[in-house]
Amino acid sequence: MKLAAMSILLSLIFQQPVKSQEAWTLKKDKNGIQVFARKNKGFKFNELKVETLFEGKISQLAAVIFDIKNQKNWVYKTAKSELLKTVTATEVFYYTEIEVPWPLNNRDMAVHMTIQQNPQTRVMTIVAKNVDDYLPAKKDKVRIKYSNATWIATPVSNS
């Protein structure tokens, strides 16, 4: 397998028009992974962007991200995740619960995730956004009201 550049853009907060966005600031650079952050007006939390290189095929990365039942093995603080509905091979709905320290209640959300690939450039884009009204709120969980993640993977070779 050839080395493939996977530029992962993880936007956790709503994207404002470019003219109002601050510049990305490098927060961590370790083991080939760079983490950037920037403030986003109107939100408490910063946007995050992660960039790294992976060896492998884009299809392998897509398979990991779409393996909902195993997200707890690689998504930070995921208590559980379960597939709710498969619309097509490129569109799913799933439920996830995020662990938080006691005495707080865990957070949860339903997520709509889609994947597309540009046939000319082979750039793959995966978008995962919460859908607040997809499931009723659970009494012992705090519903996440806003989440928006985008993965953009760009191959650097034909293989």
Protein backbone atom coordinates (compact mmCIF):
# COMPACT_ATOMS: atom_id res chain seq x y z
CA MET A 1 0.00 0.00 0.00
CA LYS A 2 1.21 3.47 -0.83
CA LEU A 3 1.13 6.35 1.59
CA ALA A 4 -2.16 8.28 1.31
CA ALA A 5 -2.64 11.75 2.69
CA MET A 6 -5.76 11.94 4.77
CA SER A 7 -6.54 15.53 5.58
CA ILE A 8 -9.13 15.18 8.29
CA LEU A 9 -11.18 18.25 8.94
CA LEU A 10 -13.17 17.81 12.10
CA SER A 11 -15.56 20.70 12.40
CA LEU A 12 -17.36 20.41 15.69
CA ILE A 13 -18.94 23.81 15.50
CA PHE A 14 -21.06 25.51 12.82
CA GLN A 15 -18.94 27.10 10.10
CA GLN A 16 -19.30 30.89 9.84
CA PRO A 17 -18.62 32.76 6.58
CA VAL A 18 -14.89 32.95 5.83
CA LYS A 19 -14.61 36.68 6.50
CA SER A 20 -15.62 36.17 10.17
CA GLN A 21 -13.45 33.14 10.86
CA GLU A 22 -10.23 33.38 12.82
CA ALA A 23 -7.06 31.71 11.62
CA TRP A 24 -6.34 28.15 12.71
CA THR A 25 -3.83 27.89 15.59
CA LEU A 26 -1.66 24.79 15.97
CA LYS A 27 -2.34 23.32 19.43
CA LYS A 28 -0.53 19.97 19.25
CA ASP A 29 1.93 18.31 16.87
CA LYS A 30 2.79 14.78 17.97
CA ASN A 31 3.43 11.46 16.18
CA GLY A 32 2.61 12.96 12.80
CA ILE A 33 -0.77 14.29 13.95
CA GLN A 34 -1.41 18.03 13.99
CA VAL A 35 -4.35 19.45 15.94
CA PHE A 36 -5.53 22.98 15.19
CA ALA A 37 -8.23 25.07 16.88
CA ARG A 38 -9.98 28.36 16.34
CA LYS A 39 -12.71 30.32 18.07
CA ASN A 40 -16.13 30.51 16.51
CA LYS A 41 -18.33 33.46 17.38
CA GLY A 42 -21.63 32.52 18.94
CA PHE A 43 -20.43 29.17 20.30
CA LYS A 44 -18.78 28.14 23.58
CA PHE A 45 -16.55 25.54 21.98
CA ASN A 46 -13.71 25.91 19.51
CA GLU A 47 -13.69 24.34 16.08
CA LEU A 48 -11.08 21.61 15.73
CA LYS A 49 -9.12 20.47 12.69
CA VAL A 50 -6.86 17.43 12.64
CA GLU A 51 -4.38 16.66 9.87
CA THR A 52 -2.34 13.50 9.43
CA LEU A 53 -1.09 10.93 6.91
CA PHE A 54 -2.32 7.35 6.79
CA GLU A 55 -0.93 4.40 4.91
CA GLY A 56 -3.75 2.57 3.19
CA LYS A 57 -6.68 3.02 0.89
CA ILE A 58 -9.48 5.54 1.24
CA SER A 59 -11.96 2.67 1.27
CA GLN A 60 -10.28 1.32 4.43
CA LEU A 61 -10.71 4.67 6.19
CA ALA A 62 -14.37 4.80 5.14
CA ALA A 63 -14.90 1.27 6.46
CA VAL A 64 -13.53 2.24 9.89
CA ILE A 65 -15.63 5.41 10.15
CA PHE A 66 -18.80 3.61 9.02
CA ASP A 67 -18.24 0.71 11.45
CA ILE A 68 -20.67 2.19 13.98
CA LYS A 69 -20.64 -0.65 16.51
CA ASN A 70 -16.87 -0.31 16.97
CA GLN A 71 -16.71 3.46 17.40
CA LYS A 72 -16.32 2.95 21.13
CA ASN A 73 -12.90 1.45 20.35
CA TRP A 74 -11.53 4.57 18.68
CA VAL A 75 -13.81 7.58 19.29
CA TYR A 76 -12.77 9.32 22.52
CA LYS A 77 -15.10 8.71 25.50
CA THR A 78 -17.74 6.85 23.48
CA ALA A 79 -19.74 4.69 25.90
CA LYS A 80 -21.78 3.05 23.15
CA SER A 81 -22.88 3.47 19.57
CA GLU A 82 -25.48 1.61 17.58
CA LEU A 83 -26.73 1.68 14.03
CA LEU A 84 -30.33 2.92 13.83
CA LYS A 85 -30.98 2.82 10.09
CA THR A 86 -29.08 2.11 6.89
CA VAL A 87 -30.56 4.27 4.13
CA THR A 88 -27.99 3.27 1.49
CA ALA A 89 -24.39 2.07 1.50
CA THR A 90 -23.39 5.75 1.75
CA GLU A 91 -25.98 7.04 4.26
CA VAL A 92 -26.78 5.91 7.80
CA PHE A 93 -28.37 7.08 11.03
CA TYR A 94 -26.82 6.02 14.33
CA TYR A 95 -27.05 6.66 18.07
CA THR A 96 -24.04 7.44 20.25
CA GLU A 97 -23.53 8.04 23.96
CA ILE A 98 -20.52 9.94 25.30
CA GLU A 99 -19.11 9.36 28.78
CA VAL A 100 -18.65 12.32 31.13
CA PRO A 101 -17.30 12.31 34.69
CA TRP A 102 -19.56 11.72 37.67
CA PRO A 103 -21.72 13.42 38.93
CA LEU A 104 -22.74 14.61 35.44
CA ASN A 105 -25.00 12.58 33.14
CA ASN A 106 -23.65 11.13 29.91
CA ARG A 107 -24.38 12.98 26.67
CA ASP A 108 -26.12 11.41 23.68
CA MET A 109 -27.28 12.15 20.15
CA ALA A 110 -28.61 10.64 16.97
CA VAL A 111 -26.37 11.26 13.96
CA HIS A 112 -27.00 11.36 10.21
CA MET A 113 -23.82 10.36 8.34
CA THR A 114 -23.18 10.45 4.59
CA ILE A 115 -20.19 9.69 2.42
CA GLN A 116 -19.36 10.81 -1.09
CA GLN A 117 -16.34 10.58 -3.35
CA ASN A 118 -15.40 12.82 -6.26
CA PRO A 119 -14.79 10.44 -9.19
CA GLN A 120 -12.15 12.68 -10.79
CA THR A 121 -10.06 13.67 -7.74
CA ARG A 122 -11.03 10.61 -5.60
CA VAL A 123 -11.35 12.99 -2.61
CA MET A 124 -13.70 11.41 -0.08
CA THR A 125 -15.93 13.53 2.16
CA ILE A 126 -17.82 12.15 5.14
CA VAL A 127 -20.28 14.40 6.96
CA ALA A 128 -21.81 13.48 10.34
CA LYS A 129 -24.39 15.86 11.84
CA ASN A 130 -26.64 15.39 14.83
CA VAL A 131 -30.38 15.12 14.21
CA ASP A 132 -31.96 16.24 17.45
CA ASP A 133 -35.50 15.16 16.65
CA TYR A 134 -34.67 11.69 15.27
CA LEU A 135 -35.05 10.00 18.67
CA PRO A 136 -36.88 11.01 21.83
CA ALA A 137 -34.62 12.35 24.59
CA LYS A 138 -33.62 9.86 27.29
CA LYS A 139 -34.40 10.78 30.89
CA ASP A 140 -30.91 10.03 32.25
CA LYS A 141 -28.90 11.55 29.32
CA VAL A 142 -28.17 15.11 28.22
CA ARG A 143 -28.99 15.51 24.52
CA ILE A 144 -26.25 17.12 22.43
CA LYS A 145 -27.95 19.96 20.57
CA TYR A 146 -25.26 20.67 17.98
CA SER A 147 -22.57 18.52 16.42
CA ASN A 148 -21.08 18.74 12.93
CA ALA A 149 -18.07 16.67 11.87
CA THR A 150 -16.51 16.53 8.41
CA TRP A 151 -13.73 14.18 7.31
CA ILE A 152 -11.97 15.05 4.07
CA ALA A 153 -9.54 12.41 2.78
CA THR A 154 -7.28 13.21 -0.15
CA PRO A 155 -5.27 10.40 -1.82
CA VAL A 156 -1.67 11.15 -2.82
CA SER A 157 -1.25 8.21 -5.21
CA ASN A 158 -3.34 5.91 -7.39
CA SER A 159 -3.01 3.06 -4.91
